[in-house]
Protein backbone atom coordinates (compact mmCIF):
# COMPACT_ATOMS: atom_id res chain seq x y z
CA TRP A 1 -7.13 -18.98 -2.85
CA THR A 2 -9.97 -19.81 -0.44
CA LEU A 3 -13.34 -18.41 -1.49
CA LEU A 4 -15.06 -17.09 1.59
CA GLY A 5 -18.83 -17.19 1.43
CA GLY A 6 -19.43 -14.88 4.37
CA SER A 7 -17.74 -12.45 6.70
CA SER A 8 -16.41 -15.12 9.07
CA VAL A 9 -14.10 -18.05 8.48
CA ALA A 10 -12.53 -20.50 10.92
CA GLY A 11 -13.38 -18.27 13.85
CA PHE A 12 -12.05 -15.09 12.23
CA HIS A 13 -14.51 -12.26 11.67
CA TRP A 14 -13.99 -9.66 8.94
CA ALA A 15 -15.31 -6.33 10.20
CA LEU A 16 -16.83 -5.37 6.86
CA PRO A 17 -20.00 -3.54 5.81
CA ASP A 18 -22.50 -5.58 3.81
CA TRP A 19 -21.57 -3.91 0.52
CA VAL A 20 -17.93 -5.03 0.68
CA PRO A 21 -16.98 -8.61 -0.26
CA PRO A 22 -14.48 -10.41 1.96
CA PRO A 23 -10.85 -10.56 0.84
CA ALA A 24 -9.38 -13.61 -0.82
CA VAL A 25 -7.10 -15.50 1.55
CA PRO A 26 -4.44 -18.08 0.60
CA ALA A 27 -5.46 -21.59 1.60
CA ASP A 28 -2.06 -22.14 3.25
CA ASN A 29 -2.35 -19.04 5.45
CA PRO A 30 -5.85 -18.95 6.97
CA MET A 31 -6.75 -15.97 9.11
CA THR A 32 -6.70 -16.25 12.91
CA ARG A 33 -6.80 -13.56 15.58
CA GLU A 34 -3.59 -14.91 17.08
CA LYS A 35 -1.73 -14.70 13.78
CA VAL A 36 -2.92 -11.14 13.20
CA GLU A 37 -1.76 -10.05 16.64
CA LEU A 38 1.66 -11.57 16.07
CA GLY A 39 1.83 -9.82 12.72
CA ARG A 40 0.98 -6.50 14.36
CA HIS A 41 3.89 -6.89 16.77
CA LEU A 42 6.26 -7.80 13.94
CA PHE A 43 5.06 -4.94 11.74
CA HIS A 44 5.89 -2.36 14.40
CA ASP A 45 9.12 -3.95 15.64
CA PRO A 46 12.43 -2.27 14.66
CA ARG A 47 14.27 -5.46 15.55
CA LEU A 48 13.34 -6.66 12.06
CA SER A 49 15.98 -4.27 10.69
CA ALA A 50 19.76 -4.59 10.71
CA ASP A 51 20.51 -2.03 13.42
CA GLY A 52 17.17 -2.04 15.21
CA THR A 53 16.11 1.43 14.10
CA MET A 54 13.56 0.69 11.39
CA SER A 55 10.33 -1.30 11.35
CA CYS A 56 7.79 -1.90 8.60
CA ALA A 57 5.86 0.96 10.19
CA SER A 58 8.78 3.31 9.57
CA CYS A 59 7.66 3.56 5.94
CA HIS A 60 3.99 2.88 6.64
CA HIS A 61 2.59 5.26 9.29
CA GLN A 62 -0.95 4.58 10.38
CA ASP A 63 -1.92 8.27 10.51
CA LYS A 64 -0.85 8.60 6.86
CA ALA A 65 -2.88 5.57 5.74
CA PHE A 66 0.30 3.51 6.07
CA THR A 67 2.48 5.70 3.85
CA ASP A 68 5.39 7.80 5.15
CA GLY A 69 4.91 11.33 3.82
CA LYS A 70 8.18 11.17 1.88
CA ALA A 71 8.62 11.47 -1.86
CA ARG A 72 10.72 8.30 -1.86
CA ALA A 73 11.30 5.74 0.86
CA ILE A 74 14.59 5.78 2.76
CA GLY A 75 16.31 2.60 3.94
CA VAL A 76 18.11 1.73 7.15
CA ASN A 77 21.48 2.83 5.77
CA GLY A 78 20.14 6.10 4.38
CA GLN A 79 19.77 4.83 0.82
CA VAL A 80 16.93 6.61 -0.96
CA GLY A 81 14.69 4.34 -2.99
CA SER A 82 13.36 5.16 -6.43
CA ARG A 83 9.68 5.04 -5.53
CA SER A 84 7.23 6.27 -2.93
CA ALA A 85 5.97 3.97 -0.17
CA MET A 86 2.48 2.85 -1.17
CA SER A 87 -0.54 2.93 1.12
CA LEU A 88 -1.45 -0.38 2.76
CA ALA A 89 -5.11 0.53 3.20
CA ASN A 90 -7.17 -2.35 1.77
CA VAL A 91 -4.03 -4.06 0.50
CA ALA A 92 -5.91 -7.36 0.91
CA TYR A 93 -7.91 -6.43 -2.19
CA LEU A 94 -4.91 -5.73 -4.42
CA PRO A 95 -3.77 -8.41 -6.87
CA VAL A 96 -0.45 -6.61 -7.45
CA LEU A 97 1.44 -5.24 -4.48
CA THR A 98 3.99 -2.75 -5.79
CA TRP A 99 4.10 0.11 -8.25
CA GLN A 100 5.68 -1.83 -11.08
CA ASN A 101 6.29 -5.52 -10.43
CA PRO A 102 3.36 -7.46 -11.93
CA GLN A 103 4.79 -10.71 -10.58
CA LEU A 104 4.64 -9.71 -6.92
CA THR A 105 1.13 -10.79 -6.02
CA ALA A 106 1.30 -12.44 -2.56
CA LEU A 107 1.72 -10.53 0.69
CA GLU A 108 3.62 -13.48 2.12
CA VAL A 109 6.26 -13.06 -0.59
CA GLN A 110 6.22 -9.28 -0.68
CA ALA A 111 7.16 -9.13 3.01
CA LEU A 112 10.57 -10.53 2.13
CA ILE A 113 11.44 -7.57 -0.11
CA PRO A 114 11.70 -4.73 2.44
CA ILE A 115 13.29 -6.94 5.09
CA PHE A 116 15.90 -8.70 2.96
CA GLY A 117 16.04 -6.79 -0.31
CA GLU A 118 19.30 -5.22 -1.46
CA HIS A 119 18.22 -3.15 -4.49
CA PRO A 120 17.55 -0.88 -2.72
CA VAL A 121 18.44 -1.75 0.85
CA GLU A 122 15.45 -1.07 3.06
CA MET A 123 15.62 -2.90 6.40
CA GLY A 124 18.98 -4.45 5.64
CA MET A 125 18.57 -7.99 6.94
CA ALA A 126 20.00 -9.84 3.93
CA GLY A 127 22.26 -12.61 5.24
CA ARG A 128 21.11 -11.97 8.82
CA GLU A 129 18.18 -14.37 8.94
CA GLN A 130 19.48 -16.31 11.92
CA GLN A 131 20.11 -13.08 13.82
CA LEU A 132 16.50 -12.15 13.26
CA PHE A 133 15.19 -15.48 14.53
CA GLN A 134 17.47 -15.28 17.59
CA ARG A 135 16.17 -11.83 18.44
CA LEU A 136 12.57 -12.98 18.22
CA GLN A 137 13.13 -16.24 20.10
CA ALA A 138 14.85 -14.39 22.96
CA ASP A 139 11.72 -12.31 23.65
CA ALA A 140 9.18 -13.91 25.99
CA THR A 141 6.34 -11.97 24.35
CA TYR A 142 7.24 -13.41 20.98
CA ARG A 143 7.57 -16.93 22.31
CA ARG A 144 3.99 -16.67 23.56
CA LEU A 145 2.69 -15.00 20.38
CA PHE A 146 4.39 -17.41 17.96
CA GLU A 147 3.16 -20.45 19.88
CA GLY A 148 -0.39 -19.09 19.89
CA ALA A 149 -0.33 -18.19 16.20
CA PHE A 150 1.36 -21.37 14.95
CA PRO A 151 0.61 -24.25 17.32
CA ASP A 152 1.43 -26.93 14.75
CA GLU A 153 4.84 -25.43 14.06
CA ALA A 154 5.46 -25.08 17.80
CA GLN A 155 5.12 -28.84 18.17
CA ARG A 156 7.81 -29.38 15.54
CA GLY A 157 10.41 -27.28 17.32
CA GLN A 158 11.84 -23.79 17.56
CA ALA A 159 13.53 -23.85 14.15
CA THR A 160 10.15 -24.41 12.52
CA LEU A 161 8.31 -21.99 14.78
CA PHE A 162 10.72 -19.09 14.26
CA SER A 163 11.21 -19.07 10.52
CA LEU A 164 10.66 -16.99 7.40
CA ASN A 165 7.52 -18.99 6.80
CA THR A 166 5.90 -17.97 10.07
CA VAL A 167 7.19 -14.38 10.08
CA THR A 168 5.91 -13.61 6.58
CA ARG A 169 2.58 -15.37 7.12
CA ALA A 170 1.94 -13.37 10.29
CA LEU A 171 2.87 -10.07 8.62
CA ALA A 172 0.58 -10.88 5.71
CA ALA A 173 -2.31 -11.76 8.01
CA PHE A 174 -1.99 -8.45 9.85
CA GLN A 175 -1.86 -6.47 6.62
CA ARG A 176 -5.06 -8.13 5.41
CA THR A 177 -6.86 -6.56 8.37
CA LEU A 178 -5.94 -3.00 7.31
CA LEU A 179 -9.47 -2.37 6.07
CA SER A 180 -10.76 1.12 5.36
CA PHE A 181 -14.47 1.42 4.50
CA ASP A 182 -15.83 4.03 6.91
CA SER A 183 -15.11 7.35 5.23
CA PRO A 184 -17.71 10.14 5.08
CA TYR A 185 -18.23 9.22 1.43
CA ASP A 186 -18.99 5.61 2.39
CA ARG A 187 -21.57 6.80 4.88
CA TYR A 188 -23.07 9.07 2.24
CA ARG A 189 -23.04 6.66 -0.70
CA TYR A 190 -23.72 3.35 1.07
CA GLY A 191 -24.92 4.25 4.56
CA GLY A 192 -27.94 6.35 3.77
CA GLN A 193 -26.50 9.53 5.31
CA PRO A 194 -27.02 12.34 2.77
CA ALA A 195 -25.45 14.92 5.09
CA ALA A 196 -22.22 12.93 5.57
CA ILE A 197 -20.40 14.95 2.90
CA SER A 198 -20.64 18.58 1.88
CA ALA A 199 -22.36 20.06 -1.15
CA GLN A 200 -18.91 20.86 -2.49
CA ALA A 201 -17.84 17.21 -2.19
CA LYS A 202 -21.03 16.15 -3.98
CA ARG A 203 -20.18 18.47 -6.86
CA GLY A 204 -16.71 16.94 -6.89
CA GLU A 205 -18.23 13.47 -7.02
CA GLU A 206 -20.17 14.43 -10.16
CA LEU A 207 -17.01 15.72 -11.79
CA PHE A 208 -14.97 12.66 -10.73
CA PHE A 209 -17.49 10.23 -12.21
CA GLY A 210 -18.39 12.42 -15.16
CA GLU A 211 -17.32 12.04 -18.76
CA ARG A 212 -15.31 15.28 -18.84
CA LEU A 213 -12.73 14.24 -16.24
CA GLU A 214 -13.25 10.45 -16.51
CA CYS A 215 -11.30 9.73 -13.34
CA TYR A 216 -13.46 6.70 -12.64
CA HIS A 217 -12.09 4.68 -15.57
CA CYS A 218 -8.95 3.92 -13.57
CA HIS A 219 -10.12 4.84 -10.07
CA GLY A 220 -13.48 3.06 -9.95
CA GLY A 221 -15.01 0.31 -7.87
CA PHE A 222 -15.32 0.13 -4.11
CA ASN A 223 -11.54 0.54 -3.68
CA PHE A 224 -11.13 3.35 -6.24
CA THR A 225 -8.64 1.48 -8.42
CA ASP A 226 -8.83 -0.83 -11.42
CA ASN A 227 -6.71 -3.39 -9.55
CA ILE A 228 -8.97 -5.67 -7.56
CA GLN A 229 -9.33 -9.17 -6.19
CA HIS A 230 -11.68 -10.57 -3.58
CA ALA A 231 -13.34 -13.80 -2.54
CA ARG A 232 -16.30 -13.39 -4.92
CA LEU A 233 -14.26 -12.49 -7.99
CA PRO A 234 -13.18 -15.50 -10.06
CA PHE A 235 -10.17 -13.73 -11.55
CA PRO A 236 -8.16 -10.72 -10.36
CA GLU A 237 -8.28 -7.52 -12.40
CA ARG A 238 -5.05 -5.61 -12.97
CA GLY A 239 -4.41 -2.14 -14.33
CA PHE A 240 -1.10 -0.50 -15.24
CA HIS A 241 -1.04 2.85 -17.02
CA ASN A 242 1.37 5.41 -18.41
CA THR A 243 -0.20 8.73 -17.42
CA GLY A 244 2.31 10.90 -19.26
CA LEU A 245 4.10 11.95 -16.08
CA TYR A 246 7.42 11.66 -17.92
CA ASN A 247 8.57 11.38 -21.49
CA GLU A 248 11.65 9.86 -23.06
CA ASP A 249 14.82 11.92 -23.04
CA GLY A 250 15.21 11.76 -26.82
CA GLN A 251 17.30 8.60 -26.68
CA GLY A 252 14.56 6.25 -25.59
CA ALA A 253 15.41 6.44 -21.89
CA TYR A 254 13.17 7.27 -18.96
CA PRO A 255 14.22 8.69 -15.58
CA ALA A 256 15.66 6.01 -13.31
CA ALA A 257 12.49 5.99 -11.23
CA ALA A 258 10.17 5.57 -14.20
CA PRO A 259 10.81 2.38 -16.18
CA GLY A 260 7.43 1.04 -15.11
CA ILE A 261 6.52 -2.58 -15.68
CA SER A 262 8.78 -2.75 -18.75
CA GLU A 263 11.55 -3.58 -16.29
CA PHE A 264 9.80 -6.91 -15.74
CA THR A 265 7.97 -7.53 -19.02
CA GLY A 266 10.84 -6.51 -21.31
CA ASP A 267 8.30 -4.80 -23.56
CA ALA A 268 9.26 -1.26 -24.55
CA ARG A 269 5.57 -0.42 -24.86
CA ASP A 270 5.27 -0.84 -21.09
CA LYS A 271 7.70 1.96 -20.26
CA GLY A 272 6.24 4.35 -17.75
CA LYS A 273 3.31 2.09 -16.83
CA PHE A 274 2.58 1.84 -13.13
CA ARG A 275 -0.14 0.22 -11.06
CA THR A 276 -3.16 2.39 -10.36
CA PRO A 277 -3.16 3.24 -6.64
CA SER A 278 -6.34 3.30 -4.61
CA LEU A 279 -7.63 6.79 -3.82
CA ARG A 280 -8.98 5.84 -0.41
CA ASN A 281 -7.43 8.16 2.21
CA VAL A 282 -5.58 9.93 -0.60
CA ALA A 283 -5.80 13.28 1.21
CA VAL A 284 -3.30 12.04 3.83
CA THR A 285 -0.87 10.25 1.51
CA ALA A 286 0.98 13.19 -0.09
CA PRO A 287 3.23 13.59 -1.99
CA TYR A 288 1.76 11.87 -5.03
CA MET A 289 2.67 9.68 -8.01
CA HIS A 290 5.11 6.75 -7.98
CA ASP A 291 8.07 9.01 -7.20
CA GLY A 292 6.33 11.55 -4.98
CA SER A 293 7.00 14.27 -7.54
CA ILE A 294 3.68 16.13 -7.13
CA ALA A 295 3.12 17.75 -3.76
CA THR A 296 -0.61 18.40 -3.52
CA LEU A 297 -3.95 17.16 -4.83
CA PRO A 298 -4.77 20.45 -6.63
CA GLU A 299 -1.44 20.12 -8.47
CA VAL A 300 -2.25 16.54 -9.46
CA VAL A 301 -5.49 17.70 -11.06
CA ARG A 302 -4.36 21.02 -12.52
CA ASN A 303 -0.76 20.38 -13.54
CA HIS A 304 -0.94 16.75 -14.55
CA TYR A 305 -4.30 15.27 -15.51
CA ALA A 306 -5.95 18.43 -16.82
CA ARG A 307 -2.95 18.95 -19.09
CA ALA A 308 -2.97 15.37 -20.39
CA GLY A 309 0.20 14.48 -18.58
CA ARG A 310 2.80 16.68 -16.96
CA ALA A 311 5.46 15.78 -19.53
CA ALA A 312 3.48 17.53 -22.25
CA THR A 313 3.79 20.82 -20.37
CA ALA A 314 7.48 20.42 -19.58
CA GLY A 315 8.71 21.04 -23.11
CA LYS A 316 9.11 17.37 -23.99
CA GLY A 317 5.83 16.88 -25.82
CA ALA A 318 3.14 14.32 -25.21
CA ASN A 319 4.42 10.88 -24.31
CA PRO A 320 3.70 8.52 -27.24
CA LEU A 321 3.10 5.72 -24.74
CA ARG A 322 0.63 7.75 -22.70
CA SER A 323 -2.67 5.98 -22.01
CA GLU A 324 -5.51 6.96 -24.31
CA LEU A 325 -7.53 7.61 -21.15
CA ILE A 326 -5.30 10.61 -20.37
CA ALA A 327 -6.82 13.14 -22.74
CA GLY A 328 -6.80 16.32 -20.65
CA PHE A 329 -9.75 18.56 -19.84
CA GLU A 330 -10.78 22.12 -19.11
CA ILE A 331 -11.39 22.82 -15.43
CA THR A 332 -11.80 25.91 -13.27
CA ASP A 333 -10.17 26.55 -9.90
CA ALA A 334 -13.58 26.20 -8.25
CA GLU A 335 -14.09 22.81 -9.88
CA ILE A 336 -10.63 21.67 -8.77
CA ALA A 337 -11.60 22.62 -5.22
CA ASP A 338 -14.78 20.55 -5.62
CA VAL A 339 -12.82 17.50 -6.80
CA VAL A 340 -10.38 17.87 -3.91
CA ALA A 341 -13.28 18.11 -1.46
CA PHE A 342 -14.62 14.84 -2.85
CA LEU A 343 -11.21 13.19 -2.50
CA GLN A 344 -10.96 14.45 1.07
CA SER A 345 -14.30 12.77 1.80
CA LEU A 346 -12.56 9.43 1.19
CA THR A 347 -10.55 9.83 4.40
CA ASP A 348 -11.44 7.20 7.01
CA GLU A 349 -10.51 8.79 10.34
CA ALA A 350 -11.39 5.68 12.34
CA PHE A 351 -8.97 3.65 10.23
CA LEU A 352 -6.19 6.17 10.78
CA LYS A 353 -6.64 5.93 14.56
CA SER A 354 -7.77 2.35 15.13
CA PRO A 355 -6.05 0.74 18.15
CA ALA A 356 -6.25 -2.59 16.31
CA HIS A 357 -3.57 -1.37 13.91
CA ALA A 358 -1.47 0.67 16.33
CA ASP A 359 2.01 0.00 17.68
CA PRO A 360 1.69 -2.57 20.49
CA TRP A 361 5.22 -1.88 21.73
CA SER A 362 4.82 1.82 22.57
CA PRO A 363 6.25 3.37 24.60
CA ALA A 364 8.74 0.58 25.32
CA MET A 365 10.30 0.65 21.85
CA ALA A 366 10.81 4.40 21.98
CA THR A 367 13.59 3.91 24.54
CA ARG A 368 15.39 1.13 22.68
CA THR A 369 18.93 1.79 21.52
CA PRO A 370 20.15 0.72 18.06
CA ILE A 371 21.44 -2.85 17.81
CA GLU A 372 25.20 -2.91 17.50
CA GLN A 373 26.53 -4.64 14.42
CA PRO A 374 29.85 -6.51 14.12
CA GLY A 375 32.62 -4.01 13.57
CA SER A 376 30.53 -1.05 14.67
CA LYS A 377 32.97 -0.14 17.42
């Protein structure tokens, strides 16, 4: 990883406030404006899916902080995944990129999963790599964008220029620019604007960071999560927790959507542990939890955390693997409203509407017809 000493590197400027460190960037994928613009086109392009109906943005809507509003993501063939699409806001600062795979740490690698993965099928391009490259190479806009983003590869020929290496590097570069640090709370806490949030939100802040609720233990720091990496941090910090959302069924099994990181570590003690999500823009990312099983923020507070884990109130008893940080607390309806007001103050409206992140193909792509597949007639 390249350690960036300032807000600019190799001609690329990070639009960051002074209190936010720059992201860490892989040495083999330096940031450039041209690469980011190519990545933006790829991110919003449904031609990256098998039948041309689904783009990365299909599961990551800008107005929902790059989530999709669904409990669980749905793939190009209608297959419903087991987990909710995570927000991409400030994904550049996350050392782990999915709910439960501790080994998936690089955006360049993660991009391969939705495009080519088969368990579940998302965009459905497994075995269709050459079709993808042909689609991109046939588009004059892409020929210009790829050549501008990867001039060295362009000199080595089309097969090098249009490749998984360039596609995933461009997508990763674009995602690293999805930066959200201009919420009302940021202006209040860091910008010297005491009137930027309401008195109710300020009361909610006190509760959030207080010892009774203790939300800050897992949702602390400038990105409101205990998973963090950046250019000034020598080692990434990772946090996975079992919050008691589920309990075992009596035979040692969890719901299919809830194995947690034990699926990768092989350690039974890791059952039900998931990565702590950032709470930035959380008011627009409902439904909540890894499987979208809680509909609203008041329910998250009242029916889950206040009760020391939802499983304990569902007749299954407290989960023995539940984090010791999930202890429950007494809270009134008025205090829940205060906490929710604070969480709503983390919404960055400029980020949700920024033209720099928007679909560059609109409205042209809206009139595209699905791509016919062999045997579809």
